[in-house]
Every structure is written in C-alpha cells, then in structure tokens.
C-alpha cells in the first residue's frame, strides 16, 4: 500500500498561518511563545525559520486539528528536537 507524501502542495502560506501553527504547537507543548522569544532569541529565530521553510505545514495543520497531542508530528517536524529541548529546559526551571 503506497503511503502518500504529506508535504505541502506548494501553495504559499501567509506569515499569519505560519505564526498560528507555531503558536498552537508551542501552546500544546506548554511553551510560552513570548517568553521563549525573549529568553532564547537565537533558538526562537531558528525555529521560526524552519517553520517558515517547512514543507509539512498542511500535515501539521491537520494534526493540530485532529489530535494535537498525538506525537506523530515529531516524525516530520524539523523543530521537534528544539521544541522538546525547550519543553525540558522550561520544565526544569519551574
């Protein structure tokens, strides 16, 4: 059985769409976007850049609507390592 490619169809997304996906994913992980942006500026800039360039935004949007707690997103998200590291770092500091 062939597995479909969940990458983007090539439709451009607005900055608002990227920001919304990024905000939702971070909120799902318990990360405060504003605090991360201030406290981890370089990391946040890298995350934003990878999110903007990501070819899996449609899969991300579907996963966020379907079940945002399903860890399947970690298999395709170029920011999964960064998100998990930030989650762990923030958890340790609280």
PDB file of N, CA and C in Angstrom:
ATOM      1  N   UNK A   1       0.837  -1.170   0.000  1.00  0.00           N
ATOM      2  CA  UNK A   1       0.000   0.000   0.000  1.00  0.00           C
ATOM      3  C   UNK A   1       0.885   1.237   0.000  1.00  0.00           C
ATOM      4  N   UNK A   2       0.762   2.100  -0.990  1.00  0.00           N
ATOM      5  CA  UNK A   2       1.595   3.290  -1.036  1.00  0.00           C
ATOM      6  C   UNK A   2       1.208   4.280   0.057  1.00  0.00           C
ATOM      7  N   UNK A   3       2.204   4.941   0.558  1.00  0.00           N
ATOM      8  CA  UNK A   3       1.981   5.951   1.580  1.00  0.00           C
ATOM      9  C   UNK A   3       2.107   7.309   0.918  1.00  0.00           C
ATOM     10  N   UNK A   4       1.108   8.139   1.104  1.00  0.00           N
ATOM     11  CA  UNK A   4       1.110   9.464   0.483  1.00  0.00           C
ATOM     12  C   UNK A   4       2.153  10.369   1.092  1.00  0.00           C
ATOM     13  N   UNK A   5       2.593  11.303   0.311  1.00  0.00           N
ATOM     14  CA  UNK A   5       3.542  12.305   0.773  1.00  0.00           C
ATOM     15  C   UNK A   5       2.745  13.423   1.424  1.00  0.00           C
ATOM     16  N   UNK A   6       2.988  13.659   2.710  1.00  0.00           N
ATOM     17  CA  UNK A   6       2.249  14.676   3.450  1.00  0.00           C
ATOM     18  C   UNK A   6       2.845  16.062   3.303  1.00  0.00           C
ATOM     19  N   UNK A   7       3.795  16.213   2.418  1.00  0.00           N
ATOM     20  CA  UNK A   7       4.406  17.517   2.246  1.00  0.00           C
ATOM     21  C   UNK A   7       3.416  18.478   1.614  1.00  0.00           C
ATOM     22  N   UNK A   8       3.716  19.724   1.718  1.00  0.00           N
ATOM     23  CA  UNK A   8       2.851  20.779   1.192  1.00  0.00           C
ATOM     24  C   UNK A   8       2.638  20.639  -0.302  1.00  0.00           C
ATOM     25  N   UNK A   9       1.497  21.068  -0.761  1.00  0.00           N
ATOM     26  CA  UNK A   9       1.183  21.024  -2.178  1.00  0.00           C
ATOM     27  C   UNK A   9       1.831  22.171  -2.935  1.00  0.00           C
ATOM     28  N   UNK A  10       2.595  22.994  -2.241  1.00  0.00           N
ATOM     29  CA  UNK A  10       3.259  24.105  -2.895  1.00  0.00           C
ATOM     30  C   UNK A  10       2.508  25.410  -2.774  1.00  0.00           C
ATOM     31  N   UNK A  11       1.305  25.374  -2.209  1.00  0.00           N
ATOM     32  CA  UNK A  11       0.569  26.612  -2.003  1.00  0.00           C
ATOM     33  C   UNK A  11       1.311  27.438  -0.955  1.00  0.00           C
ATOM     34  N   UNK A  12       1.448  28.718  -1.234  1.00  0.00           N
ATOM     35  CA  UNK A  12       2.142  29.554  -0.268  1.00  0.00           C
ATOM     36  C   UNK A  12       1.214  29.850   0.903  1.00  0.00           C
ATOM     37  N   UNK A  13       1.811  29.953   2.043  1.00  0.00           N
ATOM     38  CA  UNK A  13       1.062  30.270   3.242  1.00  0.00           C
ATOM     39  C   UNK A  13       1.496  31.641   3.718  1.00  0.00           C
ATOM     40  N   UNK A  14       0.573  32.336   4.312  1.00  0.00           N
ATOM     41  CA  UNK A  14       0.886  33.666   4.802  1.00  0.00           C
ATOM     42  C   UNK A  14       1.678  33.565   6.099  1.00  0.00           C
ATOM     43  N   UNK A  15       2.300  34.665   6.475  1.00  0.00           N
ATOM     44  CA  UNK A  15       3.041  34.715   7.731  1.00  0.00           C
ATOM     45  C   UNK A  15       2.103  34.416   8.900  1.00  0.00           C
ATOM     46  N   UNK A  16       0.838  34.835   8.789  1.00  0.00           N
ATOM     47  CA  UNK A  16      -0.126  34.568   9.849  1.00  0.00           C
ATOM     48  C   UNK A  16      -0.375  33.074  10.029  1.00  0.00           C
ATOM     49  N   UNK A  17      -0.435  32.342   8.918  1.00  0.00           N
ATOM     50  CA  UNK A  17      -0.652  30.892   9.001  1.00  0.00           C
ATOM     51  C   UNK A  17       0.524  30.202   9.677  1.00  0.00           C
ATOM     52  N   UNK A  18       1.737  30.609   9.335  1.00  0.00           N
ATOM     53  CA  UNK A  18       2.904  30.029   9.997  1.00  0.00           C
ATOM     54  C   UNK A  18       2.902  30.371  11.473  1.00  0.00           C
ATOM     55  N   UNK A  19       2.603  31.614  11.779  1.00  0.00           N
ATOM     56  CA  UNK A  19       2.585  32.063  13.171  1.00  0.00           C
ATOM     57  C   UNK A  19       1.538  31.295  13.970  1.00  0.00           C
ATOM     58  N   UNK A  20       0.389  31.057  13.363  1.00  0.00           N
ATOM     59  CA  UNK A  20      -0.670  30.326  14.053  1.00  0.00           C
ATOM     60  C   UNK A  20      -0.254  28.882  14.334  1.00  0.00           C
ATOM     61  N   UNK A  21       0.327  28.209  13.347  1.00  0.00           N
ATOM     62  CA  UNK A  21       0.788  26.838  13.570  1.00  0.00           C
ATOM     63  C   UNK A  21       1.869  26.797  14.643  1.00  0.00           C
ATOM     64  N   UNK A  22       2.809  27.725  14.555  1.00  0.00           N
ATOM     65  CA  UNK A  22       3.884  27.782  15.541  1.00  0.00           C
ATOM     66  C   UNK A  22       3.328  28.051  16.933  1.00  0.00           C
ATOM     67  N   UNK A  23       2.432  29.007  17.044  1.00  0.00           N
ATOM     68  CA  UNK A  23       1.824  29.339  18.340  1.00  0.00           C
ATOM     69  C   UNK A  23       1.056  28.153  18.914  1.00  0.00           C
ATOM     70  N   UNK A  24       0.283  27.478  18.073  1.00  0.00           N
ATOM     71  CA  UNK A  24      -0.502  26.320  18.523  1.00  0.00           C
ATOM     72  C   UNK A  24       0.395  25.181  18.986  1.00  0.00           C
ATOM     73  N   UNK A  25       1.421  24.897  18.206  1.00  0.00           N
ATOM     74  CA  UNK A  25       2.327  23.801  18.568  1.00  0.00           C
ATOM     75  C   UNK A  25       3.033  24.106  19.889  1.00  0.00           C
ATOM     76  N   UNK A  26       3.478  25.345  20.054  1.00  0.00           N
ATOM     77  CA  UNK A  26       4.165  25.711  21.292  1.00  0.00           C
ATOM     78  C   UNK A  26       3.209  25.671  22.480  1.00  0.00           C
ATOM     79  N   UNK A  27       1.988  26.141  22.293  1.00  0.00           N
ATOM     80  CA  UNK A  27       0.997  26.104  23.369  1.00  0.00           C
ATOM     81  C   UNK A  27       0.683  24.663  23.753  1.00  0.00           C
ATOM     82  N   UNK A  28       0.580  23.787  22.752  1.00  0.00           N
ATOM     83  CA  UNK A  28       0.312  22.381  23.011  1.00  0.00           C
ATOM     84  C   UNK A  28       1.409  21.769  23.887  1.00  0.00           C
ATOM     85  N   UNK A  29       2.626  22.276  23.724  1.00  0.00           N
ATOM     86  CA  UNK A  29       3.761  21.775  24.496  1.00  0.00           C
ATOM     87  C   UNK A  29       3.955  22.527  25.812  1.00  0.00           C
ATOM     88  N   UNK A  30       3.069  23.481  26.069  1.00  0.00           N
ATOM     89  CA  UNK A  30       3.173  24.250  27.304  1.00  0.00           C
ATOM     90  C   UNK A  30       4.260  25.311  27.266  1.00  0.00           C
ATOM     91  N   UNK A  31       4.650  25.726  26.056  1.00  0.00           N
ATOM     92  CA  UNK A  31       5.696  26.727  25.904  1.00  0.00           C
ATOM     93  C   UNK A  31       5.077  28.104  25.670  1.00  0.00           C
ATOM     94  N   UNK A  32       5.552  29.081  26.395  1.00  0.00           N
ATOM     95  CA  UNK A  32       5.101  30.464  26.237  1.00  0.00           C
ATOM     96  C   UNK A  32       5.913  31.099  25.122  1.00  0.00           C
ATOM     97  N   UNK A  33       5.270  31.349  23.991  1.00  0.00           N
ATOM     98  CA  UNK A  33       5.950  31.876  22.816  1.00  0.00           C
ATOM     99  C   UNK A  33       6.708  33.157  23.137  1.00  0.00           C
ATOM    100  N   UNK A  34       6.087  34.078  23.839  1.00  0.00           N
ATOM    101  CA  UNK A  34       6.717  35.358  24.164  1.00  0.00           C
ATOM    102  C   UNK A  34       7.933  35.159  25.068  1.00  0.00           C
ATOM    103  N   UNK A  35       7.818  34.296  26.057  1.00  0.00           N
ATOM    104  CA  UNK A  35       8.942  34.035  26.967  1.00  0.00           C
ATOM    105  C   UNK A  35      10.097  33.362  26.233  1.00  0.00           C
ATOM    106  N   UNK A  36       9.779  32.429  25.349  1.00  0.00           N
ATOM    107  CA  UNK A  36      10.822  31.746  24.574  1.00  0.00           C
ATOM    108  C   UNK A  36      11.492  32.743  23.642  1.00  0.00           C
ATOM    109  N   UNK A  37      10.695  33.584  23.020  1.00  0.00           N
ATOM    110  CA  UNK A  37      11.239  34.587  22.104  1.00  0.00           C
ATOM    111  C   UNK A  37      12.210  35.519  22.841  1.00  0.00           C
ATOM    112  N   UNK A  38      11.889  35.890  24.062  1.00  0.00           N
ATOM    113  CA  UNK A  38      12.763  36.771  24.843  1.00  0.00           C
ATOM    114  C   UNK A  38      13.968  36.045  25.424  1.00  0.00           C
ATOM    115  N   UNK A  39      13.736  34.878  25.992  1.00  0.00           N
ATOM    116  CA  UNK A  39      14.796  34.177  26.710  1.00  0.00           C
ATOM    117  C   UNK A  39      15.722  33.334  25.859  1.00  0.00           C
ATOM    118  N   UNK A  40      15.245  32.915  24.699  1.00  0.00           N
ATOM    119  CA  UNK A  40      16.015  32.034  23.811  1.00  0.00           C
ATOM    120  C   UNK A  40      15.939  32.581  22.390  1.00  0.00           C
ATOM    121  N   UNK A  41      16.338  33.824  22.218  1.00  0.00           N
ATOM    122  CA  UNK A  41      16.152  34.535  20.945  1.00  0.00           C
ATOM    123  C   UNK A  41      16.728  33.784  19.746  1.00  0.00           C
ATOM    124  N   UNK A  42      17.963  33.328  19.830  1.00  0.00           N
ATOM    125  CA  UNK A  42      18.589  32.645  18.691  1.00  0.00           C
ATOM    126  C   UNK A  42      17.872  31.340  18.369  1.00  0.00           C
ATOM    127  N   UNK A  43      17.514  30.611  19.394  1.00  0.00           N
ATOM    128  CA  UNK A  43      16.787  29.352  19.197  1.00  0.00           C
ATOM    129  C   UNK A  43      15.428  29.636  18.567  1.00  0.00           C
ATOM    130  N   UNK A  44      14.747  30.657  19.080  1.00  0.00           N
ATOM    131  CA  UNK A  44      13.437  31.001  18.542  1.00  0.00           C
ATOM    132  C   UNK A  44      13.533  31.430  17.078  1.00  0.00           C
ATOM    133  N   UNK A  45      14.543  32.214  16.748  1.00  0.00           N
ATOM    134  CA  UNK A  45      14.723  32.627  15.347  1.00  0.00           C
ATOM    135  C   UNK A  45      14.942  31.422  14.438  1.00  0.00           C
ATOM    136  N   UNK A  46      15.702  30.448  14.904  1.00  0.00           N
ATOM    137  CA  UNK A  46      15.919  29.218  14.124  1.00  0.00           C
ATOM    138  C   UNK A  46      14.623  28.435  13.962  1.00  0.00           C
ATOM    139  N   UNK A  47      13.859  28.359  15.022  1.00  0.00           N
ATOM    140  CA  UNK A  47      12.570  27.661  14.973  1.00  0.00           C
ATOM    141  C   UNK A  47      11.652  28.340  13.961  1.00  0.00           C
ATOM    142  N   UNK A  48      11.564  29.654  14.026  1.00  0.00           N
ATOM    143  CA  UNK A  48      10.714  30.384  13.081  1.00  0.00           C
ATOM    144  C   UNK A  48      11.158  30.159  11.640  1.00  0.00           C
ATOM    145  N   UNK A  49      12.446  30.185  11.421  1.00  0.00           N
ATOM    146  CA  UNK A  49      12.973  29.996  10.069  1.00  0.00           C
ATOM    147  C   UNK A  49      12.630  28.596   9.547  1.00  0.00           C
ATOM    148  N   UNK A  50      12.831  27.581  10.389  1.00  0.00           N
ATOM    149  CA  UNK A  50      12.498  26.212   9.966  1.00  0.00           C
ATOM    150  C   UNK A  50      11.002  26.049   9.741  1.00  0.00           C
ATOM    151  N   UNK A  51      10.200  26.688  10.568  1.00  0.00           N
ATOM    152  CA  UNK A  51       8.745  26.609  10.422  1.00  0.00           C
ATOM    153  C   UNK A  51       8.310  27.271   9.109  1.00  0.00           C
ATOM    154  N   UNK A  52       8.872  28.412   8.824  1.00  0.00           N
ATOM    155  CA  UNK A  52       8.526  29.135   7.601  1.00  0.00           C
ATOM    156  C   UNK A  52       8.908  28.348   6.359  1.00  0.00           C
ATOM    157  N   UNK A  53      10.034  27.650   6.411  1.00  0.00           N
ATOM    158  CA  UNK A  53      10.525  26.881   5.260  1.00  0.00           C
ATOM    159  C   UNK A  53       9.977  25.459   5.198  1.00  0.00           C
ATOM    160  N   UNK A  54       9.206  25.054   6.187  1.00  0.00           N
ATOM    161  CA  UNK A  54       8.759  23.665   6.294  1.00  0.00           C
ATOM    162  C   UNK A  54       7.817  23.274   5.159  1.00  0.00           C
ATOM    163  N   UNK A  55       8.034  22.092   4.624  1.00  0.00           N
ATOM    164  CA  UNK A  55       7.180  21.557   3.580  1.00  0.00           C
ATOM    165  C   UNK A  55       6.037  20.713   4.113  1.00  0.00           C
ATOM    166  N   UNK A  56       5.905  20.614   5.423  1.00  0.00           N
ATOM    167  CA  UNK A  56       4.869  19.777   6.032  1.00  0.00           C
ATOM    168  C   UNK A  56       3.789  20.589   6.738  1.00  0.00           C
ATOM    169  N   UNK A  57       3.599  21.825   6.354  1.00  0.00           N
ATOM    170  CA  UNK A  57       2.656  22.687   7.071  1.00  0.00           C
ATOM    171  C   UNK A  57       1.219  22.166   6.984  1.00  0.00           C
ATOM    172  N   UNK A  58       0.849  21.572   5.850  1.00  0.00           N
ATOM    173  CA  UNK A  58      -0.521  21.049   5.741  1.00  0.00           C
ATOM    174  C   UNK A  58      -0.725  19.867   6.683  1.00  0.00           C
ATOM    175  N   UNK A  59       0.258  18.984   6.758  1.00  0.00           N
ATOM    176  CA  UNK A  59       0.169  17.857   7.690  1.00  0.00           C
ATOM    177  C   UNK A  59       0.119  18.368   9.124  1.00  0.00           C
ATOM    178  N   UNK A  60       0.902  19.383   9.412  1.00  0.00           N
ATOM    179  CA  UNK A  60       0.918  19.981  10.747  1.00  0.00           C
ATOM    180  C   UNK A  60      -0.460  20.543  11.097  1.00  0.00           C
ATOM    181  N   UNK A  61      -1.051  21.276  10.175  1.00  0.00           N
ATOM    182  CA  UNK A  61      -2.364  21.864  10.409  1.00  0.00           C
ATOM    183  C   UNK A  61      -3.417  20.784  10.645  1.00  0.00           C
ATOM    184  N   UNK A  62      -3.373  19.723   9.850  1.00  0.00           N
ATOM    185  CA  UNK A  62      -4.321  18.619  10.009  1.00  0.00           C
ATOM    186  C   UNK A  62      -4.119  17.943  11.360  1.00  0.00           C
ATOM    187  N   UNK A  63      -2.864  17.677  11.717  1.00  0.00           N
ATOM    188  CA  UNK A  63      -2.591  17.034  13.004  1.00  0.00           C
ATOM    189  C   UNK A  63      -3.026  17.898  14.179  1.00  0.00           C
ATOM    190  N   UNK A  64      -2.843  19.206  14.060  1.00  0.00           N
ATOM    191  CA  UNK A  64      -3.246  20.106  15.138  1.00  0.00           C
ATOM    192  C   UNK A  64      -4.765  20.089  15.318  1.00  0.00           C
ATOM    193  N   UNK A  65      -5.505  19.970  14.216  1.00  0.00           N
ATOM    194  CA  UNK A  65      -6.969  19.923  14.297  1.00  0.00           C
ATOM    195  C   UNK A  65      -7.459  18.556  14.761  1.00  0.00           C
ATOM    196  N   UNK A  66      -6.826  17.507  14.254  1.00  0.00           N
ATOM    197  CA  UNK A  66      -7.276  16.151  14.543  1.00  0.00           C
ATOM    198  C   UNK A  66      -6.970  15.754  15.984  1.00  0.00           C
ATOM    199  N   UNK A  67      -5.710  15.816  16.367  1.00  0.00           N
ATOM    200  CA  UNK A  67      -5.297  15.412  17.710  1.00  0.00           C
ATOM    201  C   UNK A  67      -3.938  16.042  18.007  1.00  0.00           C
ATOM    202  N   UNK A  68      -3.926  17.234  18.574  1.00  0.00           N
ATOM    203  CA  UNK A  68      -2.662  17.933  18.798  1.00  0.00           C
ATOM    204  C   UNK A  68      -1.726  17.228  19.768  1.00  0.00           C
ATOM    205  N   UNK A  69      -2.234  16.275  20.534  1.00  0.00           N
ATOM    206  CA  UNK A  69      -1.383  15.554  21.484  1.00  0.00           C
ATOM    207  C   UNK A  69      -0.768  14.283  20.899  1.00  0.00           C
ATOM    208  N   UNK A  70      -1.145  13.929  19.686  1.00  0.00           N
ATOM    209  CA  UNK A  70      -0.570  12.759  19.028  1.00  0.00           C
ATOM    210  C   UNK A  70       0.876  13.078  18.650  1.00  0.00           C
ATOM    211  N   UNK A  71       1.821  12.264  19.087  1.00  0.00           N
ATOM    212  CA  UNK A  71       3.233  12.574  18.829  1.00  0.00           C
ATOM    213  C   UNK A  71       3.694  12.332  17.391  1.00  0.00           C
ATOM    214  N   UNK A  72       2.793  12.044  16.468  1.00  0.00           N
ATOM    215  CA  UNK A  72       3.186  11.801  15.082  1.00  0.00           C
ATOM    216  C   UNK A  72       3.912  13.007  14.484  1.00  0.00           C
ATOM    217  N   UNK A  73       3.577  14.211  14.934  1.00  0.00           N
ATOM    218  CA  UNK A  73       4.208  15.419  14.404  1.00  0.00           C
ATOM    219  C   UNK A  73       5.729  15.387  14.567  1.00  0.00           C
ATOM    220  N   UNK A  74       6.196  14.690  15.600  1.00  0.00           N
ATOM    221  CA  UNK A  74       7.640  14.625  15.835  1.00  0.00           C
ATOM    222  C   UNK A  74       8.378  13.903  14.712  1.00  0.00           C
ATOM    223  N   UNK A  75       7.674  13.094  13.946  1.00  0.00           N
ATOM    224  CA  UNK A  75       8.324  12.336  12.874  1.00  0.00           C
ATOM    225  C   UNK A  75       8.622  13.193  11.645  1.00  0.00           C
ATOM    226  N   UNK A  76       7.924  14.319  11.482  1.00  0.00           N
ATOM    227  CA  UNK A  76       8.159  15.152  10.300  1.00  0.00           C
ATOM    228  C   UNK A  76       8.556  16.593  10.626  1.00  0.00           C
ATOM    229  N   UNK A  77       8.336  17.027  11.830  1.00  0.00           N
ATOM    230  CA  UNK A  77       8.581  18.425  12.187  1.00  0.00           C
ATOM    231  C   UNK A  77      10.083  18.708  12.322  1.00  0.00           C
ATOM    232  N   UNK A  78      10.589  19.669  11.549  1.00  0.00           N
ATOM    233  CA  UNK A  78      12.011  19.999  11.646  1.00  0.00           C
ATOM    234  C   UNK A  78      12.370  20.684  12.964  1.00  0.00           C
ATOM    235  N   UNK A  79      11.371  21.055  13.740  1.00  0.00           N
ATOM    236  CA  UNK A  79      11.609  21.695  15.033  1.00  0.00           C
ATOM    237  C   UNK A  79      11.367  20.771  16.224  1.00  0.00           C
ATOM    238  N   UNK A  80      11.091  19.512  15.974  1.00  0.00           N
ATOM    239  CA  UNK A  80      10.728  18.630  17.089  1.00  0.00           C
ATOM    240  C   UNK A  80      11.822  18.554  18.154  1.00  0.00           C
ATOM    241  N   UNK A  81      13.077  18.453  17.754  1.00  0.00           N
ATOM    242  CA  UNK A  81      14.158  18.394  18.742  1.00  0.00           C
ATOM    243  C   UNK A  81      14.243  19.687  19.548  1.00  0.00           C
ATOM    244  N   UNK A  82      14.122  20.811  18.866  1.00  0.00           N
ATOM    245  CA  UNK A  82      14.180  22.107  19.552  1.00  0.00           C
ATOM    246  C   UNK A  82      12.998  22.273  20.502  1.00  0.00           C
ATOM    247  N   UNK A  83      11.799  21.921  20.055  1.00  0.00           N
ATOM    248  CA  UNK A  83      10.624  22.029  20.916  1.00  0.00           C
ATOM    249  C   UNK A  83      10.767  21.152  22.157  1.00  0.00           C
ATOM    250  N   UNK A  84      11.211  19.924  21.949  1.00  0.00           N
ATOM    251  CA  UNK A  84      11.354  19.016  23.087  1.00  0.00           C
ATOM    252  C   UNK A  84      12.440  19.491  24.049  1.00  0.00           C
ATOM    253  N   UNK A  85      13.528  20.019  23.526  1.00  0.00           N
ATOM    254  CA  UNK A  85      14.595  20.549  24.387  1.00  0.00           C
ATOM    255  C   UNK A  85      14.095  21.761  25.181  1.00  0.00           C
ATOM    256  N   UNK A  86      13.349  22.642  24.520  1.00  0.00           N
ATOM    257  CA  UNK A  86      12.799  23.804  25.223  1.00  0.00           C
ATOM    258  C   UNK A  86      11.787  23.375  26.283  1.00  0.00           C
ATOM    259  N   UNK A  87      10.968  22.404  25.966  1.00  0.00           N
ATOM    260  CA  UNK A  87       9.991  21.905  26.936  1.00  0.00           C
ATOM    261  C   UNK A  87      10.703  21.367  28.165  1.00  0.00           C
ATOM    262  N   UNK A  88      11.748  20.607  27.931  1.00  0.00           N
ATOM    263  CA  UNK A  88      12.508  20.039  29.048  1.00  0.00           C
ATOM    264  C   UNK A  88      13.214  21.145  29.836  1.00  0.00           C
ATOM    265  N   UNK A  89      13.823  22.105  29.143  1.00  0.00           N
ATOM    266  CA  UNK A  89      14.526  23.196  29.819  1.00  0.00           C
ATOM    267  C   UNK A  89      13.559  24.041  30.645  1.00  0.00           C
ATOM    268  N   UNK A  90      12.394  24.314  30.111  1.00  0.00           N
ATOM    269  CA  UNK A  90      11.415  25.120  30.824  1.00  0.00           C
ATOM    270  C   UNK A  90      10.825  24.346  31.991  1.00  0.00           C
ATOM    271  N   UNK A  91      10.644  23.058  31.841  1.00  0.00           N
ATOM    272  CA  UNK A  91      10.104  22.228  32.910  1.00  0.00           C
ATOM    273  C   UNK A  91      11.086  22.199  34.079  1.00  0.00           C
ATOM    274  N   UNK A  92      12.371  22.097  33.770  1.00  0.00           N
ATOM    275  CA  UNK A  92      13.398  22.036  34.812  1.00  0.00           C
ATOM    276  C   UNK A  92      13.473  23.365  35.566  1.00  0.00           C
ATOM    277  N   UNK A  93      13.289  24.489  34.874  1.00  0.00           N
ATOM    278  CA  UNK A  93      13.379  25.779  35.527  1.00  0.00           C
ATOM    279  C   UNK A  93      12.181  26.096  36.408  1.00  0.00           C
ATOM    280  N   UNK A  94      11.067  25.458  36.180  1.00  0.00           N
ATOM    281  CA  UNK A  94       9.884  25.731  37.012  1.00  0.00           C
ATOM    282  C   UNK A  94       9.965  24.880  38.201  1.00  0.00           C
TER     283      UNK A  94
END
